[in-house]
Each structure stands twice: as C-alpha cells, then as structure tokens.
Amino acid sequence: MEIETPQTLTFQEEMSWLKKEIKRRGYYRKQPGRMVAERLSFFLVQLLGIGGYWLTDHLSVKVVAVLLLTAGVLGGAAHTHTASHQGLFRSRWLNNLTVFLGYPFQIGLSATHWWNKHIVIHHPNPNIHGVDEDIDFMPYFALTQEDLKKVSGIRRVWYQWQWLIFPASLSLTFANMQLAGWKHLLPVLFDKQHRKPIHWLDLASLVGHYTCFIILPSLFLPVFDVLLFYVIWLLLTGFGAYGLLAPGHFPAEASVFTAEAVEDNVYLQQLATTVNFRAGWLGNWFCCGLNYQIEHHLFPGVSHQFYPAINKLLRPVCQHHGYPHQTLGWGEALWKSYLAIVRPKPVYTDLKAALP
C-alpha cells in the first residue's frame, strides 16, 4: 500500500515524513530469530561445500561443492554487512560480535578496516571521486575519465585496453580486500596512540581464520591440497564479491561526482550514485539487501528484510519529485559495470546533472 502525502511538500520534507512513516510501520524493528535462521542457512551451505569437497574424489562433485562453499561464504558476508550497520539485532555488541565472526574469522577480512572503509568513508561519500575508495582502482584500472586525464604515454595505452584483462583480474577482488585489511590493521597495531582493544580482537580473529582454515586442516590433510582448496575458494569468492558489490555503484546510471557537487543535497547524492538490481526470490535471500542499495543507503540501520516494502514507499516519492530511483536487472547491472571499464565514466561537478 502506497502512502499519500500533501502535494505541496518539498522532497526533503516528504523524506522526513517518510522516515516517520517507516518507523510507524515498524520497519526499524529487529527480528533476531529470522536473522539467526538466515545465518544458519548460509553456514549449512558452507558446511555442505566443505564436506562435499573433502569427502569425494569425483571432480564434478568437487566443483559443485566448492561452488556451494563460495555461495555460503558470500551469503554469510552479505548477512554480516547488515550487522556492520547495526541492522541484525537491537544489541550493539551482538551486531559487532557477528561482524567479527563473519568477516575476520570466517573470511579473513579485517573488521576494523571494513568499518572504516565502508561505514566511515563509503556511505557518506558513495561515488565521490577522490574520496570513495570503492571506485578507485588506480593505478591498475581507470573507472572514470578524470583518472584517464592523469596519465599519458604507455600508461594511457594500457588503460585503453584495460577491458581485456579486467575480467580475469576480478578473481583477485577478495584477495585484494584481505590485503587492504592487513595494510589498514598492522600500522594501527604498531601505533600506541591510536590502537585500541578492538584492533587486537580484530587481529586475533584473523589469526583464528588462518588457523582454522589452513593450519589445522594441514595437520590431517596434505598441505598442498589444503592451500589449493583455499586458493580456489579465494579466487571464486573474488568473482562473487564483485558480482554482489559492483552492480550497485559501477553502472553508468550510478553517476560519479566531485565532493563539491554534493554538499547541499544528501538525498539526491545517494539516489544519483546508487542503483538497485533485481535478483528474484533466491537472489533476495542470497544478497541480504545488497540488491536494494538505494534503500540501504538511505536507511542503513534497517534490517534488509524490510527493504522491498520500503522500496514500494520510496519509489513513488522519487518519481513525484523527478528524482532518480533506478533499478536494473542483475545481469544488466553486471554488464554495465563492465562497460564502465570499457568506457570510463565522467565525473560531474553539478549534482543536477543526475536529474532525469
């Protein structure tokens, strides 16, 4: 059911009214039982993948098993993403515990790095050139025309042909995320002025990850086989992570702006730099709200199960005021994310350029 509001309200006033309506309908409430059940379902898929891989010698079964493992890991990571926004439980420490179990322990990604990169930097500044690290692939790849302007000569030639090597490089997406986490965490641990107990907990969780997934299995299985299994999982997870994260901000429909362009309209900034993608019922379970990036960016503390309902309320408001609210097919969004490498996107200096 859509809401009715006075026609004389500005977009900002109607958004304020919409926030109150969302709260009135109970969309800020938490459903811990459902969240625990979702997390267990991902864990079960992951266990099926691990067991299927090690308990058979049939290549076809191993292939299916490692795909199941990757799906379980990625689903759990998407679920942890909601926890990092305090969206799973009412208790802050339960959400944070879920993050430490889901990121550093389960997938080897520093939790403190994630909070800094995603919560502190990305969410207030999505697709802001020079600020949002998620759209900065330099010096390896150029995602914007402004990046291209900075290079010349042989490097310019490389970027003209970057689209050929980019698909293969996606396998390293998650390995690069892990490495970036270590680069963030280690300097802080050596800095007495800035390190906190949470950084030591982050380190302990990371050590636990490699202990459980590499060291302990190597006591019972050939070391080479264990390392090969981990590398295969890491590479497949790289492709999967890109498939989950890129469609929300990489297509041309998700514009890139300078920091100065977005100073006066936070709502339009989020709407203009973000797109949704359709995933179907199974994809909705797997993505845990990552396919509703618009609603997530505007209401990050809401549990992901409420995003479809909020979408039905928000979209008419945007259409009424002529604000962008864009949805692509998942395959379409992935293809357009790749086209951003083929034809790097412009960087706008005027936020009004995003209006339809």
Protein backbone atom coordinates (compact mmCIF):
# COMPACT_ATOMS: atom_id res chain seq x y z
CA MET A 1 0.00 0.00 0.00
CA GLU A 2 1.43 3.36 -1.04
CA ILE A 3 1.33 6.40 1.22
CA GLU A 4 -0.43 9.66 0.47
CA THR A 5 1.25 12.94 1.38
CA PRO A 6 0.38 16.59 0.73
CA GLN A 7 1.34 17.63 -2.78
CA THR A 8 2.98 20.85 -1.55
CA LEU A 9 5.81 19.16 0.36
CA THR A 10 9.36 19.51 -0.90
CA PHE A 11 11.36 16.33 -1.47
CA GLN A 12 13.29 16.88 1.79
CA GLU A 13 10.05 17.42 3.72
CA GLU A 14 8.45 14.36 2.18
CA MET A 15 11.53 12.26 3.04
CA SER A 16 11.28 13.40 6.65
CA TRP A 17 7.62 12.40 6.60
CA LEU A 18 8.56 9.07 5.01
CA LYS A 19 11.07 8.31 7.77
CA LYS A 20 8.33 8.77 10.34
CA GLU A 21 6.00 6.53 8.33
CA ILE A 22 8.66 3.82 8.09
CA LYS A 23 9.13 3.97 11.85
CA ARG A 24 5.37 3.88 12.41
CA ARG A 25 5.08 0.72 10.32
CA GLY A 26 7.74 -0.97 12.42
CA TYR A 27 10.41 -1.28 9.75
CA TYR A 28 13.12 -0.31 12.24
CA ARG A 29 12.37 -3.28 14.47
CA LYS A 30 14.74 -6.23 14.58
CA GLN A 31 13.82 -9.87 14.01
CA PRO A 32 16.65 -11.82 15.69
CA GLY A 33 15.02 -15.21 15.20
CA ARG A 34 14.79 -14.73 11.45
CA MET A 35 18.30 -13.31 11.29
CA VAL A 36 19.80 -16.28 13.15
CA ALA A 37 17.90 -18.69 10.88
CA GLU A 38 19.24 -16.91 7.78
CA ARG A 39 22.78 -17.06 9.11
CA LEU A 40 22.49 -20.76 9.91
CA SER A 41 21.23 -21.42 6.39
CA PHE A 42 24.37 -19.84 4.92
CA PHE A 43 26.55 -21.76 7.37
CA LEU A 44 24.85 -25.01 6.37
CA VAL A 45 25.51 -24.34 2.68
CA GLN A 46 29.14 -23.61 3.52
CA LEU A 47 29.49 -26.85 5.50
CA LEU A 48 27.93 -28.82 2.64
CA GLY A 49 30.53 -27.34 0.33
CA ILE A 50 33.45 -28.15 2.62
CA GLY A 51 32.24 -31.68 3.30
CA GLY A 52 31.42 -32.37 -0.32
CA TYR A 53 34.86 -31.24 -1.42
CA TRP A 54 36.89 -33.34 1.01
CA LEU A 55 34.71 -36.44 1.17
CA THR A 56 34.78 -37.32 -2.52
CA ASP A 57 37.29 -37.83 -5.28
CA HIS A 58 34.84 -37.11 -8.10
CA LEU A 59 35.78 -33.92 -9.92
CA SER A 60 32.19 -32.97 -10.77
CA VAL A 61 31.15 -33.28 -7.13
CA LYS A 62 34.15 -31.22 -6.04
CA VAL A 63 33.19 -28.48 -8.48
CA VAL A 64 29.63 -28.33 -7.14
CA ALA A 65 30.95 -28.44 -3.58
CA VAL A 66 33.32 -25.52 -3.99
CA LEU A 67 30.53 -23.51 -5.63
CA LEU A 68 28.31 -24.27 -2.66
CA LEU A 69 31.09 -23.21 -0.32
CA THR A 70 31.53 -19.94 -2.19
CA ALA A 71 27.78 -19.27 -2.14
CA GLY A 72 27.60 -19.93 1.59
CA VAL A 73 30.57 -17.68 2.31
CA LEU A 74 29.26 -14.83 0.15
CA GLY A 75 25.76 -15.09 1.60
CA GLY A 76 27.23 -15.00 5.08
CA ALA A 77 29.34 -11.98 4.14
CA ALA A 78 26.28 -10.16 2.79
CA HIS A 79 24.45 -11.02 6.01
CA THR A 80 27.39 -9.69 8.04
CA HIS A 81 27.17 -6.46 6.05
CA THR A 82 23.79 -5.79 7.68
CA ALA A 83 25.31 -6.46 11.11
CA SER A 84 28.07 -3.93 10.39
CA HIS A 85 25.29 -1.33 10.12
CA GLN A 86 23.74 -2.49 13.42
CA GLY A 87 20.84 -3.94 11.43
CA LEU A 88 20.53 -7.53 12.71
CA PHE A 89 19.99 -7.18 16.46
CA ARG A 90 18.98 -4.50 18.91
CA SER A 91 22.14 -5.18 20.89
CA ARG A 92 25.22 -3.37 19.58
CA TRP A 93 27.61 -5.95 20.98
CA LEU A 94 25.70 -8.78 19.26
CA ASN A 95 25.95 -6.98 15.93
CA ASN A 96 29.67 -6.37 16.47
CA LEU A 97 30.23 -9.99 17.51
CA THR A 98 28.53 -11.09 14.30
CA VAL A 99 30.88 -8.84 12.33
CA PHE A 100 33.99 -10.32 13.97
CA LEU A 101 32.75 -13.85 13.37
CA GLY A 102 31.60 -13.09 9.82
CA TYR A 103 34.48 -11.03 8.49
CA PRO A 104 37.91 -11.59 10.10
CA PHE A 105 37.23 -15.10 11.43
CA GLN A 106 35.16 -16.57 8.61
CA ILE A 107 36.60 -14.88 5.52
CA GLY A 108 39.86 -13.25 6.66
CA LEU A 109 38.72 -9.64 6.16
CA SER A 110 39.69 -7.11 8.83
CA ALA A 111 36.59 -5.85 10.66
CA THR A 112 38.14 -2.50 11.64
CA HIS A 113 39.21 -1.95 8.03
CA TRP A 114 35.67 -2.70 6.85
CA TRP A 115 34.11 -0.30 9.33
CA ASN A 116 36.49 2.46 8.29
CA LYS A 117 36.31 1.88 4.55
CA HIS A 118 32.61 1.11 4.28
CA ILE A 119 30.84 2.86 7.15
CA VAL A 120 33.07 5.91 7.70
CA ILE A 121 34.15 6.62 4.10
CA HIS A 122 31.88 4.95 1.55
CA HIS A 123 28.38 5.50 2.95
CA PRO A 124 28.61 9.28 3.37
CA ASN A 125 30.51 9.57 0.06
CA PRO A 126 29.31 6.98 -2.48
CA ASN A 127 30.87 7.50 -5.91
CA ILE A 128 32.60 10.70 -4.80
CA HIS A 129 35.75 10.94 -6.88
CA GLY A 130 38.90 11.10 -4.81
CA VAL A 131 37.07 10.09 -1.61
CA ASP A 132 35.25 6.79 -2.15
CA GLU A 133 37.90 4.06 -2.32
CA ASP A 134 35.39 1.61 -3.82
CA ILE A 135 35.63 3.35 -7.21
CA ASP A 136 39.39 3.90 -7.09
CA PHE A 137 41.17 1.11 -8.99
CA MET A 138 44.22 3.19 -9.83
CA PRO A 139 46.94 2.59 -10.85
CA TYR A 140 45.71 -0.72 -12.26
CA PHE A 141 42.42 0.30 -13.86
CA ALA A 142 40.66 3.59 -14.57
CA LEU A 143 36.96 3.78 -13.79
CA THR A 144 36.49 7.48 -14.57
CA GLN A 145 37.55 9.90 -17.28
CA GLU A 146 39.27 12.01 -14.61
CA ASP A 147 41.55 9.06 -13.88
CA LEU A 148 42.47 8.90 -17.56
CA LYS A 149 43.42 12.57 -17.60
CA LYS A 150 46.16 11.91 -15.06
CA VAL A 151 48.16 9.56 -17.31
CA SER A 152 49.86 9.67 -20.68
CA GLY A 153 52.21 7.63 -22.86
CA ILE A 154 52.38 3.87 -22.38
CA ARG A 155 50.09 4.01 -19.34
CA ARG A 156 47.44 5.68 -21.46
CA VAL A 157 47.67 2.79 -23.92
CA TRP A 158 47.25 0.32 -21.05
CA TYR A 159 44.03 1.96 -19.91
CA GLN A 160 42.68 1.97 -23.45
CA TRP A 161 42.97 -1.83 -23.45
CA GLN A 162 42.23 -2.46 -19.77
CA TRP A 163 38.89 -4.03 -20.58
CA LEU A 164 40.68 -7.11 -21.92
CA ILE A 165 42.42 -8.03 -18.65
CA PHE A 166 39.81 -6.70 -16.23
CA PRO A 167 37.52 -9.79 -16.24
CA ALA A 168 40.40 -12.09 -15.25
CA SER A 169 41.52 -9.66 -12.54
CA LEU A 170 38.16 -9.98 -10.80
CA SER A 171 39.34 -13.28 -9.34
CA LEU A 172 41.69 -11.22 -7.15
CA THR A 173 38.92 -8.94 -5.82
CA PHE A 174 38.63 -10.61 -2.48
CA ALA A 175 42.34 -11.28 -2.07
CA ASN A 176 42.88 -7.53 -2.56
CA MET A 177 40.23 -6.82 0.08
CA GLN A 178 42.04 -9.10 2.52
CA LEU A 179 45.37 -7.42 1.74
CA ALA A 180 43.88 -3.95 2.17
CA GLY A 181 42.61 -5.06 5.56
CA TRP A 182 46.10 -6.06 6.69
CA LYS A 183 47.53 -2.78 5.37
CA HIS A 184 44.99 -0.92 7.49
CA LEU A 185 45.32 -3.00 10.65
CA LEU A 186 49.06 -3.56 11.07
CA PRO A 187 50.10 0.13 11.19
CA VAL A 188 47.43 0.80 13.81
CA LEU A 189 48.66 -2.09 15.97
CA PHE A 190 52.14 -0.56 15.99
CA ASP A 191 50.74 2.87 16.87
CA LYS A 192 50.26 3.13 20.64
CA GLN A 193 48.35 6.38 20.28
CA HIS A 194 45.60 5.02 18.02
CA ARG A 195 45.36 1.29 18.67
CA LYS A 196 42.52 0.02 20.83
CA PRO A 197 41.48 -3.37 22.23
CA ILE A 198 39.18 -3.76 19.22
CA HIS A 199 42.23 -3.86 16.95
CA TRP A 200 43.75 -6.72 18.96
CA LEU A 201 40.43 -8.55 18.74
CA ASP A 202 40.50 -8.00 15.01
CA LEU A 203 44.00 -9.50 14.81
CA ALA A 204 43.02 -12.47 16.98
CA SER A 205 40.03 -13.16 14.73
CA LEU A 206 42.21 -13.03 11.62
CA VAL A 207 44.73 -15.42 13.18
CA GLY A 208 41.81 -17.68 14.06
CA HIS A 209 40.73 -17.66 10.42
CA TYR A 210 44.06 -18.92 9.09
CA THR A 211 44.40 -21.35 11.99
CA CYS A 212 41.03 -22.98 11.34
CA PHE A 213 41.08 -22.91 7.56
CA ILE A 214 44.74 -23.64 6.81
CA ILE A 215 46.86 -24.70 9.81
CA LEU A 216 44.52 -27.19 11.49
CA PRO A 217 43.38 -28.90 8.25
CA SER A 218 47.07 -29.27 7.28
CA LEU A 219 47.57 -31.49 10.34
CA PHE A 220 45.25 -34.09 8.79
CA LEU A 221 45.42 -33.41 5.06
CA PRO A 222 48.24 -32.75 2.58
CA VAL A 223 49.38 -29.14 2.94
CA PHE A 224 49.36 -28.57 -0.82
CA ASP A 225 45.76 -29.79 -1.09
CA VAL A 226 44.67 -27.50 1.75
CA LEU A 227 46.37 -24.49 0.19
CA LEU A 228 44.95 -25.33 -3.23
CA PHE A 229 41.46 -25.55 -1.75
CA TYR A 230 41.89 -22.19 -0.03
CA VAL A 231 43.19 -20.52 -3.19
CA ILE A 232 40.33 -21.90 -5.30
CA TRP A 233 37.83 -20.63 -2.74
CA LEU A 234 39.57 -17.26 -2.63
CA LEU A 235 39.51 -16.81 -6.40
CA LEU A 236 35.87 -17.83 -6.76
CA THR A 237 34.93 -15.57 -3.87
CA GLY A 238 36.64 -12.74 -5.76
CA PHE A 239 34.29 -13.15 -8.70
CA GLY A 240 31.32 -13.48 -6.37
CA ALA A 241 32.21 -10.40 -4.31
CA TYR A 242 32.36 -8.33 -7.48
CA GLY A 243 29.00 -9.75 -8.56
CA LEU A 244 27.43 -8.62 -5.28
CA LEU A 245 29.11 -5.25 -4.81
CA ALA A 246 29.70 -3.78 -8.27
CA PRO A 247 26.10 -3.58 -9.62
CA GLY A 248 25.06 -1.00 -7.01
CA HIS A 249 27.61 1.68 -7.92
CA PHE A 250 29.52 0.86 -11.11
CA PRO A 251 26.93 1.12 -13.94
CA ALA A 252 26.68 4.40 -15.82
CA GLU A 253 23.33 5.01 -14.10
CA ALA A 254 25.28 5.42 -10.84
CA SER A 255 26.92 8.78 -11.51
CA VAL A 256 30.27 9.93 -10.15
CA PHE A 257 30.64 13.43 -8.68
CA THR A 258 33.21 15.72 -7.20
CA ALA A 259 32.98 16.34 -3.45
CA GLU A 260 31.94 19.95 -4.06
CA ALA A 261 28.98 18.90 -6.21
CA VAL A 262 27.09 17.10 -3.44
CA GLU A 263 27.44 19.46 -0.50
CA ASP A 264 23.85 20.73 -0.47
CA ASN A 265 21.62 17.72 -1.15
CA VAL A 266 22.40 14.49 0.68
CA TYR A 267 19.29 12.68 -0.56
CA LEU A 268 19.98 13.37 -4.22
CA GLN A 269 23.62 12.42 -3.71
CA GLN A 270 22.63 8.95 -2.51
CA LEU A 271 19.96 8.47 -5.18
CA ALA A 272 22.18 9.64 -8.04
CA THR A 273 25.17 7.47 -7.14
CA THR A 274 23.31 4.24 -6.39
CA VAL A 275 21.16 1.76 -8.31
CA ASN A 276 19.13 -1.30 -7.35
CA PHE A 277 19.16 -4.60 -9.20
CA ARG A 278 16.52 -7.31 -9.49
CA ALA A 279 17.59 -10.67 -8.11
CA GLY A 280 14.45 -12.82 -7.73
CA TRP A 281 13.42 -14.65 -4.56
CA LEU A 282 16.57 -16.77 -4.36
CA GLY A 283 18.76 -13.75 -5.06
CA ASN A 284 16.94 -11.76 -2.38
CA TRP A 285 17.87 -14.45 0.15
CA PHE A 286 21.46 -14.59 -1.07
CA CYS A 287 22.05 -10.83 -1.40
CA CYS A 288 20.65 -9.87 2.02
CA GLY A 289 19.62 -6.43 0.82
CA LEU A 290 22.65 -5.67 -1.36
CA ASN A 291 20.29 -5.62 -4.35
CA TYR A 292 18.37 -2.76 -2.68
CA GLN A 293 21.31 -0.38 -2.49
CA ILE A 294 19.15 2.75 -2.72
CA GLU A 295 17.03 1.84 0.29
CA HIS A 296 20.10 0.64 2.14
CA HIS A 297 21.98 3.90 1.61
CA LEU A 298 19.04 6.00 2.73
CA PHE A 299 18.11 3.75 5.68
CA PRO A 300 21.31 1.82 6.54
CA GLY A 301 20.23 0.80 10.04
CA VAL A 302 17.11 -1.02 8.82
CA SER A 303 17.22 -4.82 8.60
CA HIS A 304 17.42 -5.95 5.00
CA GLN A 305 14.14 -7.90 5.06
CA PHE A 306 12.23 -4.60 5.09
CA TYR A 307 13.88 -3.08 2.01
CA PRO A 308 11.31 -4.42 -0.51
CA ALA A 309 8.48 -2.80 1.48
CA ILE A 310 10.40 0.48 1.83
CA ASN A 311 11.12 0.37 -1.91
CA LYS A 312 7.38 0.48 -2.62
CA LEU A 313 7.06 3.61 -0.47
CA LEU A 314 10.17 5.41 -1.67
CA ARG A 315 9.90 4.93 -5.43
CA PRO A 316 6.66 6.96 -5.89
CA VAL A 317 8.13 9.79 -3.80
CA CYS A 318 11.17 9.96 -6.07
CA GLN A 319 9.04 9.79 -9.21
CA HIS A 320 6.73 12.56 -7.97
CA HIS A 321 9.65 14.95 -7.46
CA GLY A 322 11.62 13.91 -10.53
CA TYR A 323 14.43 12.33 -8.51
CA PRO A 324 16.27 9.23 -9.79
CA HIS A 325 15.33 5.82 -8.42
CA GLN A 326 16.85 3.32 -10.83
CA THR A 327 16.55 -0.47 -10.98
CA LEU A 328 18.39 -2.76 -13.39
CA GLY A 329 18.36 -6.49 -13.98
CA TRP A 330 21.24 -8.26 -12.21
CA GLY A 331 22.82 -9.38 -15.47
CA GLU A 332 22.24 -5.96 -16.99
CA ALA A 333 23.86 -4.27 -14.00
CA LEU A 334 26.91 -6.55 -14.20
CA TRP A 335 27.27 -5.88 -17.93
CA LYS A 336 27.02 -2.14 -17.40
CA SER A 337 29.56 -2.40 -14.57
CA TYR A 338 31.96 -3.92 -17.08
CA LEU A 339 31.16 -1.21 -19.63
CA ALA A 340 32.37 1.34 -17.08
CA ILE A 341 35.82 -0.19 -17.63
CA VAL A 342 35.39 -0.22 -21.41
CA ARG A 343 34.20 3.40 -21.39
CA PRO A 344 35.21 5.10 -18.11
CA LYS A 345 32.52 7.30 -16.59
CA PRO A 346 32.55 11.10 -16.47
CA VAL A 347 32.90 12.93 -13.15
CA TYR A 348 30.19 15.55 -12.74
CA THR A 349 30.68 18.85 -10.96
CA ASP A 350 26.95 19.62 -10.79
CA LEU A 351 24.59 17.35 -8.87
CA LYS A 352 21.65 18.46 -11.02
CA ALA A 353 23.23 16.54 -13.91
CA ALA A 354 21.81 13.41 -12.27
CA LEU A 355 18.20 14.55 -12.58
CA PRO A 356 16.16 12.76 -15.29
